[in-house]
Amino acid sequence: MKAERLVIDTNVWIAALISPAGTARKLVEAALDLEIEILMSESTFAELVSRLDRPKFDRYREPESWNSFLAALVELASWHEDAGTAAGTSRDVDDDKFLALAVTGQADAVVSGDRDLLDLVSHEGIPVLTPAQLLQRLRES
């Protein structure tokens, strides 16, 4: 599978942060090692920042490392204008911005752990995959 450009859903970023040995972290590390372009927009980044600020993540919060992570993400991401949303595509309207970014950014895949996105299987020919599925495809190619 060609994987040069990815849209990574908020839940994957959070899983990578709170579980250093988990699949999401392995996927993020593989994407960085393979120099895969990570697509980001203001709205997808704002969602990540707002979700990380939720009290349920307080027990995992390491402000210095999380701030370093966010600063690094700002630097390494390929930033795209918010193109609105792919209105009504997903069951959860908050997920539509990731699909719109995938289309406008010509992503090779959307990576998510969110059933609302995963149930789509693909959007406009762009596969929606779990971190484990994408890791497996990267290993096979």
N, C-alpha and C. Protein backbone atom coordinates (compact mmCIF):
# COMPACT_ATOMS: atom_id res chain seq x y z
N MET A 1 0.84 -1.19 0.00
CA MET A 1 0.00 0.00 0.00
C MET A 1 0.87 1.24 0.00
N LYS A 2 0.56 2.14 -0.87
CA LYS A 2 1.23 3.44 -0.87
C LYS A 2 0.74 4.21 0.36
N ALA A 3 1.65 4.70 1.17
CA ALA A 3 1.27 5.50 2.34
C ALA A 3 2.23 6.67 2.45
N GLU A 4 1.95 7.69 1.68
CA GLU A 4 2.80 8.86 1.69
C GLU A 4 2.17 10.01 2.47
N ARG A 5 0.84 9.97 2.60
CA ARG A 5 0.13 11.07 3.25
C ARG A 5 -0.99 10.48 4.10
N LEU A 6 -1.01 10.84 5.39
CA LEU A 6 -2.01 10.30 6.31
C LEU A 6 -2.76 11.40 7.04
N VAL A 7 -4.02 11.13 7.31
CA VAL A 7 -4.79 11.90 8.27
C VAL A 7 -4.95 11.00 9.48
N ILE A 8 -4.51 11.48 10.63
CA ILE A 8 -4.57 10.69 11.86
C ILE A 8 -5.61 11.32 12.78
N ASP A 9 -6.60 10.54 13.17
CA ASP A 9 -7.69 11.00 14.02
C ASP A 9 -7.17 11.28 15.43
N THR A 10 -7.88 12.17 16.11
CA THR A 10 -7.52 12.57 17.47
C THR A 10 -7.34 11.39 18.41
N ASN A 11 -8.21 10.39 18.32
CA ASN A 11 -8.12 9.27 19.26
C ASN A 11 -6.82 8.49 19.10
N VAL A 12 -6.26 8.49 17.91
CA VAL A 12 -4.99 7.79 17.69
C VAL A 12 -3.84 8.59 18.32
N TRP A 13 -3.86 9.91 18.14
CA TRP A 13 -2.83 10.74 18.77
C TRP A 13 -2.86 10.58 20.28
N ILE A 14 -4.06 10.59 20.85
CA ILE A 14 -4.18 10.47 22.31
C ILE A 14 -3.70 9.09 22.77
N ALA A 15 -4.09 8.05 22.06
CA ALA A 15 -3.62 6.70 22.42
C ALA A 15 -2.10 6.62 22.34
N ALA A 16 -1.51 7.26 21.36
CA ALA A 16 -0.05 7.25 21.22
C ALA A 16 0.61 7.96 22.41
N LEU A 17 -0.03 9.00 22.90
CA LEU A 17 0.53 9.74 24.03
C LEU A 17 0.41 8.98 25.35
N ILE A 18 -0.72 8.34 25.57
CA ILE A 18 -0.94 7.74 26.89
C ILE A 18 -0.48 6.29 26.98
N SER A 19 -0.17 5.69 25.85
CA SER A 19 0.28 4.30 25.87
C SER A 19 1.56 4.14 25.04
N PRO A 20 2.70 4.40 25.66
CA PRO A 20 3.98 4.38 24.94
C PRO A 20 4.32 3.06 24.23
N ALA A 21 3.75 1.95 24.69
CA ALA A 21 4.05 0.67 24.06
C ALA A 21 2.92 0.19 23.17
N GLY A 22 1.91 1.02 22.98
CA GLY A 22 0.73 0.60 22.23
C GLY A 22 0.87 0.69 20.72
N THR A 23 -0.12 0.16 20.05
CA THR A 23 -0.14 0.12 18.59
C THR A 23 -0.16 1.52 17.98
N ALA A 24 -0.92 2.43 18.59
CA ALA A 24 -0.98 3.79 18.06
C ALA A 24 0.39 4.45 18.09
N ARG A 25 1.12 4.26 19.17
CA ARG A 25 2.47 4.83 19.27
C ARG A 25 3.38 4.21 18.22
N LYS A 26 3.26 2.89 18.03
CA LYS A 26 4.08 2.22 17.01
C LYS A 26 3.77 2.76 15.63
N LEU A 27 2.50 3.04 15.37
CA LEU A 27 2.12 3.59 14.07
C LEU A 27 2.72 4.99 13.88
N VAL A 28 2.60 5.84 14.88
CA VAL A 28 3.15 7.19 14.78
C VAL A 28 4.66 7.13 14.57
N GLU A 29 5.34 6.28 15.31
CA GLU A 29 6.78 6.13 15.14
C GLU A 29 7.14 5.62 13.75
N ALA A 30 6.37 4.67 13.24
CA ALA A 30 6.62 4.15 11.89
C ALA A 30 6.41 5.24 10.85
N ALA A 31 5.35 6.03 11.02
CA ALA A 31 5.08 7.12 10.08
C ALA A 31 6.23 8.12 10.07
N LEU A 32 6.76 8.43 11.24
CA LEU A 32 7.89 9.36 11.31
C LEU A 32 9.14 8.73 10.70
N ASP A 33 9.40 7.47 11.01
CA ASP A 33 10.59 6.78 10.48
C ASP A 33 10.55 6.71 8.95
N LEU A 34 9.36 6.48 8.41
CA LEU A 34 9.20 6.34 6.97
C LEU A 34 8.99 7.68 6.27
N GLU A 35 9.03 8.75 7.07
CA GLU A 35 8.83 10.11 6.57
C GLU A 35 7.51 10.25 5.82
N ILE A 36 6.48 9.65 6.38
CA ILE A 36 5.13 9.78 5.83
C ILE A 36 4.60 11.15 6.23
N GLU A 37 4.01 11.83 5.29
CA GLU A 37 3.47 13.17 5.54
C GLU A 37 2.19 13.08 6.38
N ILE A 38 2.15 13.82 7.47
CA ILE A 38 0.99 13.86 8.34
C ILE A 38 0.21 15.13 8.04
N LEU A 39 -1.03 14.97 7.61
CA LEU A 39 -1.86 16.12 7.26
C LEU A 39 -2.59 16.62 8.50
N MET A 40 -2.64 17.94 8.65
CA MET A 40 -3.29 18.55 9.80
C MET A 40 -3.94 19.85 9.34
N SER A 41 -5.02 20.19 10.01
CA SER A 41 -5.67 21.49 9.77
C SER A 41 -5.90 22.15 11.12
N GLU A 42 -6.26 23.41 11.10
CA GLU A 42 -6.52 24.09 12.37
C GLU A 42 -7.61 23.39 13.16
N SER A 43 -8.66 22.94 12.48
CA SER A 43 -9.78 22.31 13.21
C SER A 43 -9.40 20.95 13.77
N THR A 44 -8.60 20.16 13.06
CA THR A 44 -8.21 18.86 13.60
C THR A 44 -7.23 19.04 14.75
N PHE A 45 -6.34 20.02 14.66
CA PHE A 45 -5.40 20.29 15.75
C PHE A 45 -6.15 20.84 16.97
N ALA A 46 -7.09 21.73 16.73
CA ALA A 46 -7.87 22.30 17.84
C ALA A 46 -8.64 21.21 18.58
N GLU A 47 -9.16 20.23 17.84
CA GLU A 47 -9.85 19.13 18.50
C GLU A 47 -8.89 18.35 19.38
N LEU A 48 -7.69 18.08 18.88
CA LEU A 48 -6.70 17.34 19.68
C LEU A 48 -6.37 18.10 20.96
N VAL A 49 -6.09 19.38 20.86
CA VAL A 49 -5.74 20.17 22.03
C VAL A 49 -6.89 20.19 23.04
N SER A 50 -8.11 20.36 22.54
CA SER A 50 -9.26 20.43 23.46
C SER A 50 -9.50 19.08 24.14
N ARG A 51 -9.33 17.98 23.41
CA ARG A 51 -9.54 16.66 24.00
C ARG A 51 -8.48 16.34 25.05
N LEU A 52 -7.24 16.74 24.78
CA LEU A 52 -6.16 16.50 25.74
C LEU A 52 -6.37 17.26 27.04
N ASP A 53 -7.15 18.31 26.97
CA ASP A 53 -7.40 19.14 28.16
C ASP A 53 -8.50 18.58 29.05
N ARG A 54 -9.12 17.49 28.66
CA ARG A 54 -10.21 16.91 29.45
C ARG A 54 -9.68 16.29 30.74
N PRO A 55 -10.45 16.46 31.82
CA PRO A 55 -10.01 15.92 33.12
C PRO A 55 -9.71 14.43 33.12
N LYS A 56 -10.37 13.66 32.26
CA LYS A 56 -10.13 12.21 32.28
C LYS A 56 -8.69 11.84 31.91
N PHE A 57 -7.96 12.79 31.30
CA PHE A 57 -6.57 12.51 30.94
C PHE A 57 -5.58 13.07 31.96
N ASP A 58 -6.10 13.66 33.04
CA ASP A 58 -5.22 14.25 34.05
C ASP A 58 -4.22 13.24 34.60
N ARG A 59 -4.62 12.01 34.80
CA ARG A 59 -3.70 11.03 35.40
C ARG A 59 -2.56 10.65 34.46
N TYR A 60 -2.72 10.92 33.15
CA TYR A 60 -1.66 10.64 32.19
C TYR A 60 -0.83 11.87 31.87
N ARG A 61 -1.36 13.02 32.24
CA ARG A 61 -0.79 14.30 31.80
C ARG A 61 0.62 14.51 32.34
N GLU A 62 1.50 14.74 31.41
CA GLU A 62 2.86 15.16 31.70
C GLU A 62 3.03 16.44 30.89
N PRO A 63 2.72 17.59 31.51
CA PRO A 63 2.65 18.84 30.75
C PRO A 63 3.86 19.12 29.87
N GLU A 64 5.04 18.88 30.37
CA GLU A 64 6.22 19.19 29.57
C GLU A 64 6.31 18.30 28.33
N SER A 65 6.09 16.99 28.50
CA SER A 65 6.20 16.10 27.34
C SER A 65 5.02 16.31 26.38
N TRP A 66 3.82 16.57 26.91
CA TRP A 66 2.68 16.81 26.03
C TRP A 66 2.86 18.10 25.25
N ASN A 67 3.38 19.14 25.90
CA ASN A 67 3.62 20.39 25.20
C ASN A 67 4.70 20.21 24.14
N SER A 68 5.73 19.43 24.46
CA SER A 68 6.78 19.15 23.47
C SER A 68 6.21 18.39 22.29
N PHE A 69 5.35 17.42 22.58
CA PHE A 69 4.70 16.65 21.52
C PHE A 69 3.89 17.56 20.61
N LEU A 70 3.07 18.42 21.20
CA LEU A 70 2.22 19.32 20.39
C LEU A 70 3.07 20.28 19.57
N ALA A 71 4.14 20.79 20.16
CA ALA A 71 5.03 21.70 19.43
C ALA A 71 5.69 20.97 18.26
N ALA A 72 6.12 19.73 18.48
CA ALA A 72 6.73 18.94 17.41
C ALA A 72 5.72 18.66 16.30
N LEU A 73 4.48 18.37 16.70
CA LEU A 73 3.44 18.10 15.71
C LEU A 73 3.18 19.33 14.85
N VAL A 74 3.16 20.49 15.47
CA VAL A 74 2.97 21.73 14.72
C VAL A 74 4.06 21.88 13.66
N GLU A 75 5.29 21.52 14.04
CA GLU A 75 6.42 21.66 13.12
C GLU A 75 6.43 20.62 12.01
N LEU A 76 6.10 19.38 12.35
CA LEU A 76 6.26 18.32 11.35
C LEU A 76 5.05 18.12 10.45
N ALA A 77 3.89 18.56 10.88
CA ALA A 77 2.68 18.34 10.08
C ALA A 77 2.69 19.16 8.81
N SER A 78 2.00 18.64 7.84
CA SER A 78 1.73 19.38 6.60
C SER A 78 0.37 20.03 6.78
N TRP A 79 0.37 21.34 6.90
CA TRP A 79 -0.84 22.08 7.25
C TRP A 79 -1.66 22.42 6.02
N HIS A 80 -2.97 22.21 6.16
CA HIS A 80 -3.91 22.50 5.08
C HIS A 80 -5.04 23.37 5.61
N GLU A 81 -5.57 24.19 4.75
CA GLU A 81 -6.71 25.01 5.12
C GLU A 81 -7.89 24.12 5.46
N ASP A 82 -8.66 24.56 6.43
CA ASP A 82 -9.90 23.84 6.70
C ASP A 82 -10.79 24.00 5.48
N ALA A 83 -11.23 22.88 4.96
CA ALA A 83 -12.07 22.88 3.76
C ALA A 83 -13.51 22.61 4.13
N GLY A 84 -13.88 23.03 5.33
CA GLY A 84 -15.23 22.72 5.78
C GLY A 84 -15.27 21.28 6.24
N THR A 85 -16.39 20.67 6.03
CA THR A 85 -16.53 19.27 6.41
C THR A 85 -17.14 18.50 5.26
N ALA A 86 -17.03 17.21 5.36
CA ALA A 86 -17.70 16.32 4.41
C ALA A 86 -19.07 16.06 5.03
N ALA A 87 -19.89 17.10 5.07
CA ALA A 87 -21.13 17.13 5.85
C ALA A 87 -21.97 15.88 5.69
N GLY A 88 -22.29 15.31 6.85
CA GLY A 88 -23.19 14.17 6.88
C GLY A 88 -22.58 12.86 6.44
N THR A 89 -21.27 12.82 6.26
CA THR A 89 -20.65 11.59 5.78
C THR A 89 -20.55 10.55 6.89
N SER A 90 -20.11 10.98 8.05
CA SER A 90 -19.98 10.09 9.20
C SER A 90 -21.18 10.24 10.11
N ARG A 91 -21.40 9.23 10.94
CA ARG A 91 -22.50 9.33 11.93
C ARG A 91 -22.23 10.45 12.93
N ASP A 92 -20.97 10.77 13.15
CA ASP A 92 -20.59 11.81 14.09
C ASP A 92 -20.06 13.00 13.29
N VAL A 93 -20.80 14.09 13.32
CA VAL A 93 -20.44 15.27 12.53
C VAL A 93 -19.04 15.78 12.88
N ASP A 94 -18.57 15.54 14.12
CA ASP A 94 -17.22 15.96 14.50
C ASP A 94 -16.14 15.23 13.72
N ASP A 95 -16.46 14.09 13.15
CA ASP A 95 -15.48 13.31 12.38
C ASP A 95 -15.37 13.76 10.93
N ASP A 96 -16.35 14.49 10.46
CA ASP A 96 -16.37 14.87 9.05
C ASP A 96 -15.18 15.74 8.64
N LYS A 97 -14.62 16.51 9.57
CA LYS A 97 -13.47 17.36 9.24
C LYS A 97 -12.25 16.53 8.86
N PHE A 98 -12.12 15.33 9.43
CA PHE A 98 -11.00 14.46 9.09
C PHE A 98 -11.16 13.91 7.67
N LEU A 99 -12.39 13.60 7.30
CA LEU A 99 -12.66 13.11 5.95
C LEU A 99 -12.44 14.21 4.92
N ALA A 100 -12.88 15.43 5.24
CA ALA A 100 -12.68 16.56 4.33
C ALA A 100 -11.18 16.83 4.15
N LEU A 101 -10.43 16.78 5.23
CA LEU A 101 -8.98 16.98 5.15
C LEU A 101 -8.33 15.89 4.30
N ALA A 102 -8.79 14.66 4.45
CA ALA A 102 -8.23 13.56 3.65
C ALA A 102 -8.43 13.81 2.16
N VAL A 103 -9.59 14.31 1.79
CA VAL A 103 -9.87 14.57 0.38
C VAL A 103 -9.05 15.74 -0.13
N THR A 104 -9.10 16.87 0.58
CA THR A 104 -8.38 18.05 0.09
C THR A 104 -6.87 17.86 0.15
N GLY A 105 -6.40 17.09 1.12
CA GLY A 105 -4.97 16.84 1.24
C GLY A 105 -4.49 15.65 0.45
N GLN A 106 -5.40 15.00 -0.28
CA GLN A 106 -5.08 13.83 -1.09
C GLN A 106 -4.37 12.75 -0.27
N ALA A 107 -4.96 12.44 0.87
CA ALA A 107 -4.39 11.43 1.76
C ALA A 107 -4.48 10.04 1.16
N ASP A 108 -3.57 9.20 1.59
CA ASP A 108 -3.59 7.79 1.19
C ASP A 108 -4.43 6.96 2.14
N ALA A 109 -4.66 7.49 3.37
CA ALA A 109 -5.50 6.79 4.34
C ALA A 109 -5.86 7.74 5.47
N VAL A 110 -6.96 7.41 6.13
CA VAL A 110 -7.36 8.03 7.39
C VAL A 110 -7.15 6.94 8.43
N VAL A 111 -6.48 7.29 9.53
CA VAL A 111 -6.20 6.31 10.58
C VAL A 111 -7.01 6.70 11.81
N SER A 112 -7.80 5.74 12.30
CA SER A 112 -8.70 6.04 13.41
C SER A 112 -9.00 4.79 14.21
N GLY A 113 -9.41 5.01 15.43
CA GLY A 113 -9.94 3.93 16.26
C GLY A 113 -11.42 4.13 16.51
N ASP A 114 -11.99 5.10 15.83
CA ASP A 114 -13.38 5.51 16.02
C ASP A 114 -14.30 4.70 15.10
N ARG A 115 -15.21 3.98 15.70
CA ARG A 115 -16.12 3.11 14.94
C ARG A 115 -16.94 3.91 13.92
N ASP A 116 -17.29 5.17 14.26
CA ASP A 116 -18.06 5.99 13.32
C ASP A 116 -17.30 6.19 12.01
N LEU A 117 -16.00 6.31 12.07
CA LEU A 117 -15.19 6.43 10.85
C LEU A 117 -14.87 5.06 10.26
N LEU A 118 -14.49 4.13 11.10
CA LEU A 118 -14.09 2.81 10.60
C LEU A 118 -15.22 2.10 9.86
N ASP A 119 -16.45 2.31 10.31
CA ASP A 119 -17.59 1.67 9.63
C ASP A 119 -17.77 2.16 8.20
N LEU A 120 -17.20 3.33 7.87
CA LEU A 120 -17.28 3.82 6.49
C LEU A 120 -16.43 2.98 5.55
N VAL A 121 -15.36 2.38 6.06
CA VAL A 121 -14.38 1.58 5.33
C VAL A 121 -13.52 2.47 4.42
N SER A 122 -14.15 3.36 3.67
CA SER A 122 -13.41 4.31 2.84
C SER A 122 -14.29 5.53 2.59
N HIS A 123 -13.64 6.59 2.15
CA HIS A 123 -14.35 7.82 1.79
C HIS A 123 -13.71 8.36 0.53
N GLU A 124 -14.49 8.45 -0.53
CA GLU A 124 -14.00 8.92 -1.83
C GLU A 124 -12.72 8.19 -2.24
N GLY A 125 -12.71 6.89 -2.01
CA GLY A 125 -11.59 6.05 -2.40
C GLY A 125 -10.43 6.03 -1.43
N ILE A 126 -10.54 6.76 -0.33
CA ILE A 126 -9.48 6.82 0.68
C ILE A 126 -9.85 5.85 1.80
N PRO A 127 -9.03 4.83 2.04
CA PRO A 127 -9.38 3.85 3.09
C PRO A 127 -9.32 4.46 4.48
N VAL A 128 -10.22 3.98 5.33
CA VAL A 128 -10.22 4.33 6.76
C VAL A 128 -9.77 3.08 7.49
N LEU A 129 -8.62 3.17 8.18
CA LEU A 129 -7.98 2.01 8.77
C LEU A 129 -7.68 2.22 10.24
N THR A 130 -7.61 1.13 10.99
CA THR A 130 -7.13 1.20 12.37
C THR A 130 -5.60 1.33 12.32
N PRO A 131 -5.00 1.76 13.42
CA PRO A 131 -3.53 1.77 13.45
C PRO A 131 -2.93 0.39 13.16
N ALA A 132 -3.53 -0.66 13.69
CA ALA A 132 -3.01 -2.01 13.45
C ALA A 132 -3.10 -2.38 11.97
N GLN A 133 -4.21 -2.05 11.32
CA GLN A 133 -4.35 -2.35 9.90
C GLN A 133 -3.30 -1.62 9.07
N LEU A 134 -3.09 -0.35 9.37
CA LEU A 134 -2.11 0.40 8.60
C LEU A 134 -0.70 -0.11 8.86
N LEU A 135 -0.38 -0.43 10.10
CA LEU A 135 0.94 -1.00 10.40
C LEU A 135 1.18 -2.28 9.61
N GLN A 136 0.17 -3.14 9.56
CA GLN A 136 0.28 -4.38 8.81
C GLN A 136 0.52 -4.10 7.32
N ARG A 137 -0.21 -3.16 6.77
CA ARG A 137 -0.02 -2.82 5.35
C ARG A 137 1.36 -2.23 5.09
N LEU A 138 1.86 -1.43 6.03
CA LEU A 138 3.19 -0.86 5.87
C LEU A 138 4.25 -1.96 5.90
N ARG A 139 4.06 -2.95 6.76
CA ARG A 139 5.00 -4.08 6.85
C ARG A 139 5.00 -4.89 5.57
N GLU A 140 3.83 -5.02 4.94
CA GLU A 140 3.70 -5.84 3.73
C GLU A 140 4.25 -5.15 2.49
N SER A 141 4.38 -3.84 2.55
CA SER A 141 4.84 -3.13 1.34
C SER A 141 6.32 -2.83 1.36
